Amino acid sequence: HDAVGGLHQICEGHRLLTLRGQKGSELQAAIQALLAKAETMNRRGSGSDVQLKVLLPRFLASVVIGKRGSNVKELQRETGTRVQVEGGAMGQDRVTTVSGSSTCICNALGRIHRFGTAEE
């Protein structure tokens, strides 16, 4: 079963894409294709890094940040991305922005996924 989802405009200039898949490899392939397309479009425009916003469960956002930001600093250093976890109300999921090249973002998402599976 391939990764499926929907694209919805949520406000001017922003889109929400939901992806679901039976296997992590299906989602990874869909994300890689999406990021490659975004990178190609960026080269035609501003040429700046690609940005991907993901919604992380609150427990995973806490793990990604780590004690005094240690995990997020290591994640950024090792993957060459910029990762920003937005503040949220207590108990809510957190929007996390990952910026960089498509390859770097995929590496960061893989690391974030491993953070989540190590905590379960």
C-alpha atoms as a PDB file:
ATOM      1  CA  HIS A   1       0.000   0.000   0.000  1.00  0.00           C
ATOM      2  CA  ASP A   2       1.577   3.274  -1.087  1.00  0.00           C
ATOM      3  CA  ALA A   3       1.780   6.371   1.075  1.00  0.00           C
ATOM      4  CA  VAL A   4      -1.391   8.402   0.640  1.00  0.00           C
ATOM      5  CA  GLY A   5      -2.582  11.720   1.901  1.00  0.00           C
ATOM      6  CA  GLY A   6      -4.206  14.982   1.052  1.00  0.00           C
ATOM      7  CA  LEU A   7      -3.121  18.528   0.334  1.00  0.00           C
ATOM      8  CA  HIS A   8      -5.119  21.341   1.897  1.00  0.00           C
ATOM      9  CA  GLN A   9      -4.576  25.087   1.767  1.00  0.00           C
ATOM     10  CA  ILE A  10      -4.620  26.302   5.360  1.00  0.00           C
ATOM     11  CA  CYS A  11      -3.731  29.953   4.814  1.00  0.00           C
ATOM     12  CA  GLU A  12      -2.219  32.181   2.152  1.00  0.00           C
ATOM     13  CA  GLY A  13       1.055  30.702   0.926  1.00  0.00           C
ATOM     14  CA  HIS A  14       0.950  27.650   3.190  1.00  0.00           C
ATOM     15  CA  ARG A  15      -0.244  24.148   2.507  1.00  0.00           C
ATOM     16  CA  LEU A  16      -0.845  21.200   4.806  1.00  0.00           C
ATOM     17  CA  LEU A  17       0.069  17.798   3.454  1.00  0.00           C
ATOM     18  CA  THR A  18      -0.898  14.695   5.363  1.00  0.00           C
ATOM     19  CA  LEU A  19       0.895  11.445   4.622  1.00  0.00           C
ATOM     20  CA  ARG A  20       0.033   7.969   5.840  1.00  0.00           C
ATOM     21  CA  GLY A  21       1.683   4.691   4.993  1.00  0.00           C
ATOM     22  CA  GLN A  22       1.894   1.112   6.153  1.00  0.00           C
ATOM     23  CA  LYS A  23       5.686   1.168   6.341  1.00  0.00           C
ATOM     24  CA  GLY A  24       8.281   3.772   7.215  1.00  0.00           C
ATOM     25  CA  SER A  25       9.937   3.159   3.849  1.00  0.00           C
ATOM     26  CA  GLU A  26       6.753   4.248   2.030  1.00  0.00           C
ATOM     27  CA  LEU A  27       6.630   7.490   3.989  1.00  0.00           C
ATOM     28  CA  GLN A  28      10.350   8.067   3.495  1.00  0.00           C
ATOM     29  CA  ALA A  29       9.991   7.684  -0.278  1.00  0.00           C
ATOM     30  CA  ALA A  30       7.044  10.102  -0.331  1.00  0.00           C
ATOM     31  CA  ILE A  31       8.912  12.668   1.780  1.00  0.00           C
ATOM     32  CA  GLN A  32      12.032  12.387  -0.386  1.00  0.00           C
ATOM     33  CA  ALA A  33       9.983  12.984  -3.541  1.00  0.00           C
ATOM     34  CA  LEU A  34       8.224  15.955  -1.940  1.00  0.00           C
ATOM     35  CA  LEU A  35      11.496  17.507  -0.743  1.00  0.00           C
ATOM     36  CA  ALA A  36      13.192  16.981  -4.116  1.00  0.00           C
ATOM     37  CA  LYS A  37      10.304  18.816  -5.808  1.00  0.00           C
ATOM     38  CA  ALA A  38      10.472  21.636  -3.251  1.00  0.00           C
ATOM     39  CA  GLU A  39      14.226  21.955  -3.743  1.00  0.00           C
ATOM     40  CA  THR A  40      13.810  22.149  -7.529  1.00  0.00           C
ATOM     41  CA  MET A  41      11.170  24.849  -7.160  1.00  0.00           C
ATOM     42  CA  ASN A  42      13.384  26.741  -4.693  1.00  0.00           C
ATOM     43  CA  ARG A  43      16.278  26.817  -7.165  1.00  0.00           C
ATOM     44  CA  ARG A  44      14.011  28.614  -9.621  1.00  0.00           C
ATOM     45  CA  GLY A  45      12.966  31.129  -6.963  1.00  0.00           C
ATOM     46  CA  SER A  46      14.876  32.366  -3.968  1.00  0.00           C
ATOM     47  CA  GLY A  47      17.459  29.592  -3.864  1.00  0.00           C
ATOM     48  CA  SER A  48      17.160  29.422  -0.071  1.00  0.00           C
ATOM     49  CA  ASP A  49      16.944  26.235   1.972  1.00  0.00           C
ATOM     50  CA  VAL A  50      13.846  24.065   1.883  1.00  0.00           C
ATOM     51  CA  GLN A  51      11.665  24.189   4.997  1.00  0.00           C
ATOM     52  CA  LEU A  52       9.513  21.337   6.216  1.00  0.00           C
ATOM     53  CA  LYS A  53       7.119  21.724   9.134  1.00  0.00           C
ATOM     54  CA  VAL A  54       6.114  18.579  10.967  1.00  0.00           C
ATOM     55  CA  LEU A  55       3.778  18.068  13.891  1.00  0.00           C
ATOM     56  CA  LEU A  56       5.468  16.084  16.653  1.00  0.00           C
ATOM     57  CA  PRO A  57       3.714  14.485  19.617  1.00  0.00           C
ATOM     58  CA  ARG A  58       4.642  16.400  22.779  1.00  0.00           C
ATOM     59  CA  PHE A  59       6.730  13.534  24.213  1.00  0.00           C
ATOM     60  CA  LEU A  60       8.761  13.284  21.006  1.00  0.00           C
ATOM     61  CA  ALA A  61       9.255  17.057  20.822  1.00  0.00           C
ATOM     62  CA  SER A  62      10.666  16.926  24.362  1.00  0.00           C
ATOM     63  CA  VAL A  63      13.050  14.124  23.404  1.00  0.00           C
ATOM     64  CA  VAL A  64      14.147  15.967  20.243  1.00  0.00           C
ATOM     65  CA  ILE A  65      14.948  19.062  22.305  1.00  0.00           C
ATOM     66  CA  GLY A  66      16.746  17.118  25.055  1.00  0.00           C
ATOM     67  CA  LYS A  67      18.094  18.419  28.323  1.00  0.00           C
ATOM     68  CA  ARG A  68      19.001  22.096  27.866  1.00  0.00           C
ATOM     69  CA  GLY A  69      18.682  21.684  24.091  1.00  0.00           C
ATOM     70  CA  SER A  70      21.454  19.097  23.856  1.00  0.00           C
ATOM     71  CA  ASN A  71      19.657  16.735  21.450  1.00  0.00           C
ATOM     72  CA  VAL A  72      18.482  19.442  19.050  1.00  0.00           C
ATOM     73  CA  LYS A  73      21.988  20.962  18.943  1.00  0.00           C
ATOM     74  CA  GLU A  74      23.508  17.563  18.174  1.00  0.00           C
ATOM     75  CA  LEU A  75      20.799  16.871  15.566  1.00  0.00           C
ATOM     76  CA  GLN A  76      21.541  20.165  13.817  1.00  0.00           C
ATOM     77  CA  ARG A  77      25.312  19.655  13.935  1.00  0.00           C
ATOM     78  CA  GLU A  78      25.207  16.075  12.646  1.00  0.00           C
ATOM     79  CA  THR A  79      22.625  16.599   9.886  1.00  0.00           C
ATOM     80  CA  GLY A  80      23.470  20.118   8.704  1.00  0.00           C
ATOM     81  CA  THR A  81      19.910  21.314   9.287  1.00  0.00           C
ATOM     82  CA  ARG A  82      18.301  24.017  11.371  1.00  0.00           C
ATOM     83  CA  VAL A  83      15.628  22.590  13.680  1.00  0.00           C
ATOM     84  CA  GLN A  84      13.210  24.807  15.559  1.00  0.00           C
ATOM     85  CA  VAL A  85      10.568  23.363  17.892  1.00  0.00           C
ATOM     86  CA  GLU A  86       7.850  25.954  18.411  1.00  0.00           C
ATOM     87  CA  GLY A  87       6.444  26.575  21.860  1.00  0.00           C
ATOM     88  CA  GLY A  88       3.067  25.094  22.551  1.00  0.00           C
ATOM     89  CA  ALA A  89       0.516  24.877  25.296  1.00  0.00           C
ATOM     90  CA  MET A  90       1.148  22.256  27.944  1.00  0.00           C
ATOM     91  CA  GLY A  91       0.172  18.823  26.702  1.00  0.00           C
ATOM     92  CA  GLN A  92      -0.166  19.759  23.021  1.00  0.00           C
ATOM     93  CA  ASP A  93       1.718  18.524  19.997  1.00  0.00           C
ATOM     94  CA  ARG A  94       4.467  20.851  18.757  1.00  0.00           C
ATOM     95  CA  VAL A  95       5.122  22.226  15.273  1.00  0.00           C
ATOM     96  CA  THR A  96       8.756  21.646  14.357  1.00  0.00           C
ATOM     97  CA  THR A  97      10.457  23.352  11.408  1.00  0.00           C
ATOM     98  CA  VAL A  98      13.385  21.567   9.761  1.00  0.00           C
ATOM     99  CA  SER A  99      15.378  23.631   7.231  1.00  0.00           C
ATOM    100  CA  GLY A 100      18.211  22.643   4.898  1.00  0.00           C
ATOM    101  CA  SER A 101      18.783  20.679   1.718  1.00  0.00           C
ATOM    102  CA  SER A 102      16.386  17.830   0.967  1.00  0.00           C
ATOM    103  CA  THR A 103      19.077  15.257   1.786  1.00  0.00           C
ATOM    104  CA  CYS A 104      19.873  16.906   5.126  1.00  0.00           C
ATOM    105  CA  ILE A 105      16.174  17.146   6.024  1.00  0.00           C
ATOM    106  CA  CYS A 106      15.657  13.440   5.258  1.00  0.00           C
ATOM    107  CA  ASN A 107      18.615  12.591   7.501  1.00  0.00           C
ATOM    108  CA  ALA A 108      17.190  14.749  10.297  1.00  0.00           C
ATOM    109  CA  LEU A 109      13.736  13.157   9.962  1.00  0.00           C
ATOM    110  CA  GLY A 110      15.338   9.715  10.199  1.00  0.00           C
ATOM    111  CA  ARG A 111      17.095  10.746  13.399  1.00  0.00           C
ATOM    112  CA  ILE A 112      13.855  12.182  14.817  1.00  0.00           C
ATOM    113  CA  HIS A 113      12.086   8.920  13.994  1.00  0.00           C
ATOM    114  CA  ARG A 114      14.807   6.985  15.828  1.00  0.00           C
ATOM    115  CA  PHE A 115      14.376   9.277  18.853  1.00  0.00           C
ATOM    116  CA  GLY A 116      10.707   8.259  18.892  1.00  0.00           C
ATOM    117  CA  THR A 117      11.269   4.542  18.545  1.00  0.00           C
ATOM    118  CA  ALA A 118      13.990   4.538  21.231  1.00  0.00           C
ATOM    119  CA  GLU A 119      11.564   6.094  23.724  1.00  0.00           C
ATOM    120  CA  GLU A 120       8.687   3.682  23.152  1.00  0.00           C
END
